[in-house]
PDB file of N, CA and C in Angstrom:
ATOM      1  N   UNK A   1       0.849  -1.171   0.000  1.00  0.00           N
ATOM      2  CA  UNK A   1       0.000   0.000   0.000  1.00  0.00           C
ATOM      3  C   UNK A   1       0.894   1.233   0.000  1.00  0.00           C
ATOM      4  N   UNK A   2       0.580   2.177  -0.876  1.00  0.00           N
ATOM      5  CA  UNK A   2       1.386   3.384  -1.004  1.00  0.00           C
ATOM      6  C   UNK A   2       0.885   4.507  -0.103  1.00  0.00           C
ATOM      7  N   UNK A   3       1.457   5.694  -0.320  1.00  0.00           N
ATOM      8  CA  UNK A   3       1.031   6.865   0.453  1.00  0.00           C
ATOM      9  C   UNK A   3      -0.459   7.145   0.266  1.00  0.00           C
ATOM     10  N   UNK A   4      -1.083   7.717   1.293  1.00  0.00           N
ATOM     11  CA  UNK A   4      -2.530   7.909   1.272  1.00  0.00           C
ATOM     12  C   UNK A   4      -2.960   9.352   1.072  1.00  0.00           C
ATOM     13  N   UNK A   5      -2.062  10.283   1.067  1.00  0.00           N
ATOM     14  CA  UNK A   5      -2.437  11.698   1.051  1.00  0.00           C
ATOM     15  C   UNK A   5      -2.145  12.392  -0.255  1.00  0.00           C
ATOM     16  N   UNK A   6      -1.972  13.695  -0.151  1.00  0.00           N
ATOM     17  CA  UNK A   6      -1.683  14.556  -1.290  1.00  0.00           C
ATOM     18  C   UNK A   6      -0.422  15.340  -0.973  1.00  0.00           C
ATOM     19  N   UNK A   7       0.423  15.487  -1.973  1.00  0.00           N
ATOM     20  CA  UNK A   7       1.651  16.255  -1.844  1.00  0.00           C
ATOM     21  C   UNK A   7       1.648  17.334  -2.908  1.00  0.00           C
ATOM     22  N   UNK A   8       1.857  18.583  -2.490  1.00  0.00           N
ATOM     23  CA  UNK A   8       2.007  19.684  -3.441  1.00  0.00           C
ATOM     24  C   UNK A   8       3.480  20.041  -3.459  1.00  0.00           C
ATOM     25  N   UNK A   9       4.085  19.961  -4.625  1.00  0.00           N
ATOM     26  CA  UNK A   9       5.497  20.288  -4.797  1.00  0.00           C
ATOM     27  C   UNK A   9       5.559  21.615  -5.543  1.00  0.00           C
ATOM     28  N   UNK A  10       6.228  22.602  -4.940  1.00  0.00           N
ATOM     29  CA  UNK A  10       6.286  23.944  -5.506  1.00  0.00           C
ATOM     30  C   UNK A  10       7.707  24.468  -5.419  1.00  0.00           C
ATOM     31  N   UNK A  11       8.235  24.968  -6.548  1.00  0.00           N
ATOM     32  CA  UNK A  11       9.568  25.542  -6.574  1.00  0.00           C
ATOM     33  C   UNK A  11       9.521  26.877  -7.304  1.00  0.00           C
ATOM     34  N   UNK A  12       9.766  27.952  -6.569  1.00  0.00           N
ATOM     35  CA  UNK A  12       9.795  29.273  -7.204  1.00  0.00           C
ATOM     36  C   UNK A  12      10.974  29.371  -8.161  1.00  0.00           C
ATOM     37  N   UNK A  13      12.119  28.879  -7.726  1.00  0.00           N
ATOM     38  CA  UNK A  13      13.335  29.002  -8.537  1.00  0.00           C
ATOM     39  C   UNK A  13      13.196  28.273  -9.869  1.00  0.00           C
ATOM     40  N   UNK A  14      12.654  27.066  -9.845  1.00  0.00           N
ATOM     41  CA  UNK A  14      12.491  26.286 -11.075  1.00  0.00           C
ATOM     42  C   UNK A  14      11.165  26.570 -11.773  1.00  0.00           C
ATOM     43  N   UNK A  15      10.311  27.364 -11.128  1.00  0.00           N
ATOM     44  CA  UNK A  15       9.003  27.733 -11.675  1.00  0.00           C
ATOM     45  C   UNK A  15       8.176  26.499 -12.023  1.00  0.00           C
ATOM     46  N   UNK A  16       8.063  25.615 -11.042  1.00  0.00           N
ATOM     47  CA  UNK A  16       7.310  24.377 -11.231  1.00  0.00           C
ATOM     48  C   UNK A  16       6.390  24.127 -10.053  1.00  0.00           C
ATOM     49  N   UNK A  17       5.253  23.509 -10.353  1.00  0.00           N
ATOM     50  CA  UNK A  17       4.320  23.087  -9.312  1.00  0.00           C
ATOM     51  C   UNK A  17       3.691  21.776  -9.766  1.00  0.00           C
ATOM     52  N   UNK A  18       3.524  20.861  -8.812  1.00  0.00           N
ATOM     53  CA  UNK A  18       2.900  19.561  -9.089  1.00  0.00           C
ATOM     54  C   UNK A  18       2.009  19.191  -7.931  1.00  0.00           C
ATOM     55  N   UNK A  19       0.977  18.435  -8.255  1.00  0.00           N
ATOM     56  CA  UNK A  19       0.118  17.849  -7.234  1.00  0.00           C
ATOM     57  C   UNK A  19       0.228  16.344  -7.404  1.00  0.00           C
ATOM     58  N   UNK A  20       0.731  15.669  -6.374  1.00  0.00           N
ATOM     59  CA  UNK A  20       0.875  14.210  -6.388  1.00  0.00           C
ATOM     60  C   UNK A  20      -0.168  13.615  -5.454  1.00  0.00           C
ATOM     61  N   UNK A  21      -0.845  12.575  -5.925  1.00  0.00           N
ATOM     62  CA  UNK A  21      -1.881  11.946  -5.100  1.00  0.00           C
ATOM     63  C   UNK A  21      -1.442  10.557  -4.657  1.00  0.00           C
ATOM     64  N   UNK A  22      -1.825  10.227  -3.437  1.00  0.00           N
ATOM     65  CA  UNK A  22      -1.547   8.901  -2.898  1.00  0.00           C
ATOM     66  C   UNK A  22      -2.602   7.906  -3.332  1.00  0.00           C
ATOM     67  N   UNK A  23      -2.406   6.669  -2.962  1.00  0.00           N
ATOM     68  CA  UNK A  23      -3.240   5.563  -3.445  1.00  0.00           C
ATOM     69  C   UNK A  23      -4.723   5.714  -3.110  1.00  0.00           C
ATOM     70  N   UNK A  24      -5.058   6.288  -1.975  1.00  0.00           N
ATOM     71  CA  UNK A  24      -6.472   6.427  -1.617  1.00  0.00           C
ATOM     72  C   UNK A  24      -7.132   7.634  -2.273  1.00  0.00           C
ATOM     73  N   UNK A  25      -6.368   8.472  -2.928  1.00  0.00           N
ATOM     74  CA  UNK A  25      -6.899   9.689  -3.540  1.00  0.00           C
ATOM     75  C   UNK A  25      -7.013   9.546  -5.066  1.00  0.00           C
ATOM     76  N   UNK A  26      -6.297   8.603  -5.667  1.00  0.00           N
ATOM     77  CA  UNK A  26      -6.233   8.482  -7.130  1.00  0.00           C
ATOM     78  C   UNK A  26      -7.585   8.565  -7.819  1.00  0.00           C
ATOM     79  N   UNK A  27      -8.575   7.867  -7.325  1.00  0.00           N
ATOM     80  CA  UNK A  27      -9.882   7.870  -7.968  1.00  0.00           C
ATOM     81  C   UNK A  27     -10.723   9.097  -7.676  1.00  0.00           C
ATOM     82  N   UNK A  28     -10.312   9.878  -6.688  1.00  0.00           N
ATOM     83  CA  UNK A  28     -11.110  11.032  -6.273  1.00  0.00           C
ATOM     84  C   UNK A  28     -10.604  12.350  -6.814  1.00  0.00           C
ATOM     85  N   UNK A  29      -9.326  12.431  -7.173  1.00  0.00           N
ATOM     86  CA  UNK A  29      -8.735  13.630  -7.768  1.00  0.00           C
ATOM     87  C   UNK A  29      -7.908  13.180  -8.958  1.00  0.00           C
ATOM     88  N   UNK A  30      -8.450  13.372 -10.150  1.00  0.00           N
ATOM     89  CA  UNK A  30      -7.775  12.908 -11.360  1.00  0.00           C
ATOM     90  C   UNK A  30      -6.611  13.819 -11.725  1.00  0.00           C
ATOM     91  N   UNK A  31      -5.751  13.333 -12.592  1.00  0.00           N
ATOM     92  CA  UNK A  31      -4.648  14.156 -13.090  1.00  0.00           C
ATOM     93  C   UNK A  31      -5.171  15.397 -13.797  1.00  0.00           C
ATOM     94  N   UNK A  32      -6.279  15.254 -14.520  1.00  0.00           N
ATOM     95  CA  UNK A  32      -6.867  16.389 -15.239  1.00  0.00           C
ATOM     96  C   UNK A  32      -7.376  17.451 -14.267  1.00  0.00           C
ATOM     97  N   UNK A  33      -8.007  17.005 -13.178  1.00  0.00           N
ATOM     98  CA  UNK A  33      -8.486  17.945 -12.167  1.00  0.00           C
ATOM     99  C   UNK A  33      -7.311  18.645 -11.479  1.00  0.00           C
ATOM    100  N   UNK A  34      -6.275  17.893 -11.177  1.00  0.00           N
ATOM    101  CA  UNK A  34      -5.085  18.479 -10.553  1.00  0.00           C
ATOM    102  C   UNK A  34      -4.444  19.506 -11.477  1.00  0.00           C
ATOM    103  N   UNK A  35      -4.335  19.187 -12.764  1.00  0.00           N
ATOM    104  CA  UNK A  35      -3.755  20.123 -13.739  1.00  0.00           C
ATOM    105  C   UNK A  35      -4.603  21.383 -13.847  1.00  0.00           C
ATOM    106  N   UNK A  36      -5.913  21.227 -13.823  1.00  0.00           N
ATOM    107  CA  UNK A  36      -6.811  22.375 -13.885  1.00  0.00           C
ATOM    108  C   UNK A  36      -6.639  23.274 -12.663  1.00  0.00           C
ATOM    109  N   UNK A  37      -6.519  22.693 -11.497  1.00  0.00           N
ATOM    110  CA  UNK A  37      -6.301  23.460 -10.271  1.00  0.00           C
ATOM    111  C   UNK A  37      -4.996  24.240 -10.365  1.00  0.00           C
ATOM    112  N   UNK A  38      -3.966  23.592 -10.853  1.00  0.00           N
ATOM    113  CA  UNK A  38      -2.666  24.262 -11.003  1.00  0.00           C
ATOM    114  C   UNK A  38      -2.771  25.406 -11.998  1.00  0.00           C
ATOM    115  N   UNK A  39      -3.266  25.108 -13.200  1.00  0.00           N
ATOM    116  CA  UNK A  39      -3.272  26.090 -14.292  1.00  0.00           C
ATOM    117  C   UNK A  39      -4.244  27.246 -14.079  1.00  0.00           C
ATOM    118  N   UNK A  40      -5.413  26.955 -13.536  1.00  0.00           N
ATOM    119  CA  UNK A  40      -6.467  27.969 -13.454  1.00  0.00           C
ATOM    120  C   UNK A  40      -6.534  28.686 -12.112  1.00  0.00           C
ATOM    121  N   UNK A  41      -6.016  28.072 -11.063  1.00  0.00           N
ATOM    122  CA  UNK A  41      -6.152  28.657  -9.728  1.00  0.00           C
ATOM    123  C   UNK A  41      -4.806  29.075  -9.140  1.00  0.00           C
ATOM    124  N   UNK A  42      -3.829  28.189  -9.185  1.00  0.00           N
ATOM    125  CA  UNK A  42      -2.562  28.456  -8.511  1.00  0.00           C
ATOM    126  C   UNK A  42      -1.635  29.361  -9.328  1.00  0.00           C
ATOM    127  N   UNK A  43      -1.406  29.004 -10.584  1.00  0.00           N
ATOM    128  CA  UNK A  43      -0.434  29.741 -11.411  1.00  0.00           C
ATOM    129  C   UNK A  43      -0.791  31.224 -11.555  1.00  0.00           C
ATOM    130  N   UNK A  44      -2.068  31.587 -11.767  1.00  0.00           N
ATOM    131  CA  UNK A  44      -2.358  33.022 -11.860  1.00  0.00           C
ATOM    132  C   UNK A  44      -1.923  33.810 -10.612  1.00  0.00           C
ATOM    133  N   UNK A  45      -2.068  33.215  -9.445  1.00  0.00           N
ATOM    134  CA  UNK A  45      -1.603  33.879  -8.216  1.00  0.00           C
ATOM    135  C   UNK A  45      -0.079  33.922  -8.156  1.00  0.00           C
ATOM    136  N   UNK A  46       0.562  32.841  -8.559  1.00  0.00           N
ATOM    137  CA  UNK A  46       2.028  32.811  -8.562  1.00  0.00           C
ATOM    138  C   UNK A  46       2.590  33.891  -9.484  1.00  0.00           C
ATOM    139  N   UNK A  47       1.936  34.112 -10.615  1.00  0.00           N
ATOM    140  CA  UNK A  47       2.402  35.137 -11.562  1.00  0.00           C
ATOM    141  C   UNK A  47       2.335  36.533 -10.955  1.00  0.00           C
ATOM    142  N   UNK A  48       1.436  36.728  -9.991  1.00  0.00           N
ATOM    143  CA  UNK A  48       1.323  38.005  -9.281  1.00  0.00           C
ATOM    144  C   UNK A  48       2.204  38.017  -8.028  1.00  0.00           C
ATOM    145  N   UNK A  49       3.019  36.968  -7.878  1.00  0.00           N
ATOM    146  CA  UNK A  49       3.902  36.784  -6.731  1.00  0.00           C
ATOM    147  C   UNK A  49       3.127  36.621  -5.419  1.00  0.00           C
ATOM    148  N   UNK A  50       1.896  36.135  -5.516  1.00  0.00           N
ATOM    149  CA  UNK A  50       1.082  35.806  -4.349  1.00  0.00           C
ATOM    150  C   UNK A  50       1.203  34.306  -4.086  1.00  0.00           C
ATOM    151  N   UNK A  51       2.376  33.878  -3.638  1.00  0.00           N
ATOM    152  CA  UNK A  51       2.656  32.451  -3.515  1.00  0.00           C
ATOM    153  C   UNK A  51       1.803  31.786  -2.436  1.00  0.00           C
ATOM    154  N   UNK A  52       1.697  32.412  -1.272  1.00  0.00           N
ATOM    155  CA  UNK A  52       0.885  31.832  -0.212  1.00  0.00           C
ATOM    156  C   UNK A  52      -0.576  31.742  -0.644  1.00  0.00           C
ATOM    157  N   UNK A  53      -1.086  32.819  -1.256  1.00  0.00           N
ATOM    158  CA  UNK A  53      -2.475  32.834  -1.709  1.00  0.00           C
ATOM    159  C   UNK A  53      -2.722  31.760  -2.765  1.00  0.00           C
ATOM    160  N   UNK A  54      -1.772  31.567  -3.681  1.00  0.00           N
ATOM    161  CA  UNK A  54      -1.906  30.534  -4.702  1.00  0.00           C
ATOM    162  C   UNK A  54      -1.954  29.141  -4.099  1.00  0.00           C
ATOM    163  N   UNK A  55      -1.092  28.886  -3.120  1.00  0.00           N
ATOM    164  CA  UNK A  55      -1.101  27.588  -2.451  1.00  0.00           C
ATOM    165  C   UNK A  55      -2.388  27.389  -1.657  1.00  0.00           C
ATOM    166  N   UNK A  56      -2.827  28.427  -0.949  1.00  0.00           N
ATOM    167  CA  UNK A  56      -4.055  28.328  -0.167  1.00  0.00           C
ATOM    168  C   UNK A  56      -5.263  28.073  -1.065  1.00  0.00           C
ATOM    169  N   UNK A  57      -5.349  28.800  -2.178  1.00  0.00           N
ATOM    170  CA  UNK A  57      -6.458  28.590  -3.114  1.00  0.00           C
ATOM    171  C   UNK A  57      -6.410  27.184  -3.708  1.00  0.00           C
ATOM    172  N   UNK A  58      -5.205  26.691  -3.988  1.00  0.00           N
ATOM    173  CA  UNK A  58      -5.054  25.338  -4.522  1.00  0.00           C
ATOM    174  C   UNK A  58      -5.501  24.284  -3.528  1.00  0.00           C
ATOM    175  N   UNK A  59      -5.102  24.450  -2.285  1.00  0.00           N
ATOM    176  CA  UNK A  59      -5.498  23.511  -1.237  1.00  0.00           C
ATOM    177  C   UNK A  59      -7.012  23.537  -1.045  1.00  0.00           C
ATOM    178  N   UNK A  60      -7.591  24.709  -1.076  1.00  0.00           N
ATOM    179  CA  UNK A  60      -9.043  24.846  -0.947  1.00  0.00           C
ATOM    180  C   UNK A  60      -9.756  24.154  -2.100  1.00  0.00           C
ATOM    181  N   UNK A  61      -9.257  24.344  -3.322  1.00  0.00           N
ATOM    182  CA  UNK A  61      -9.863  23.699  -4.501  1.00  0.00           C
ATOM    183  C   UNK A  61      -9.746  22.184  -4.422  1.00  0.00           C
ATOM    184  N   UNK A  62      -8.636  21.680  -3.930  1.00  0.00           N
ATOM    185  CA  UNK A  62      -8.471  20.243  -3.757  1.00  0.00           C
ATOM    186  C   UNK A  62      -9.509  19.724  -2.756  1.00  0.00           C
ATOM    187  N   UNK A  63      -9.669  20.432  -1.654  1.00  0.00           N
ATOM    188  CA  UNK A  63     -10.663  20.044  -0.654  1.00  0.00           C
ATOM    189  C   UNK A  63     -12.067  20.028  -1.230  1.00  0.00           C
ATOM    190  N   UNK A  64     -12.389  21.002  -2.043  1.00  0.00           N
ATOM    191  CA  UNK A  64     -13.706  21.050  -2.683  1.00  0.00           C
ATOM    192  C   UNK A  64     -13.913  19.869  -3.613  1.00  0.00           C
ATOM    193  N   UNK A  65     -12.895  19.517  -4.387  1.00  0.00           N
ATOM    194  CA  UNK A  65     -12.983  18.367  -5.296  1.00  0.00           C
ATOM    195  C   UNK A  65     -13.178  17.070  -4.511  1.00  0.00           C
ATOM    196  N   UNK A  66     -12.486  16.929  -3.417  1.00  0.00           N
ATOM    197  CA  UNK A  66     -12.579  15.698  -2.637  1.00  0.00           C
ATOM    198  C   UNK A  66     -13.909  15.553  -1.915  1.00  0.00           C
ATOM    199  N   UNK A  67     -14.565  16.669  -1.610  1.00  0.00           N
ATOM    200  CA  UNK A  67     -15.866  16.626  -0.940  1.00  0.00           C
ATOM    201  C   UNK A  67     -16.992  16.265  -1.897  1.00  0.00           C
ATOM    202  N   UNK A  68     -16.812  16.561  -3.188  1.00  0.00           N
ATOM    203  CA  UNK A  68     -17.912  16.323  -4.143  1.00  0.00           C
ATOM    204  C   UNK A  68     -17.963  14.892  -4.628  1.00  0.00           C
TER     205      UNK A  68
END
């Protein structure tokens, strides 16, 4: 059995962000949904240098997806 949670990997220097899902989350948060959260919610905030706000909005969006 693998990891059960979610990992957000963010690097300002390399300008990269990823959302990795554990085994119990795979069916509840798809790669497409994760990419949409990154592209539509997190990156626009990062471009404005609102890094904390981008991460917070991303975490909130993930929570919303998992509740539905």
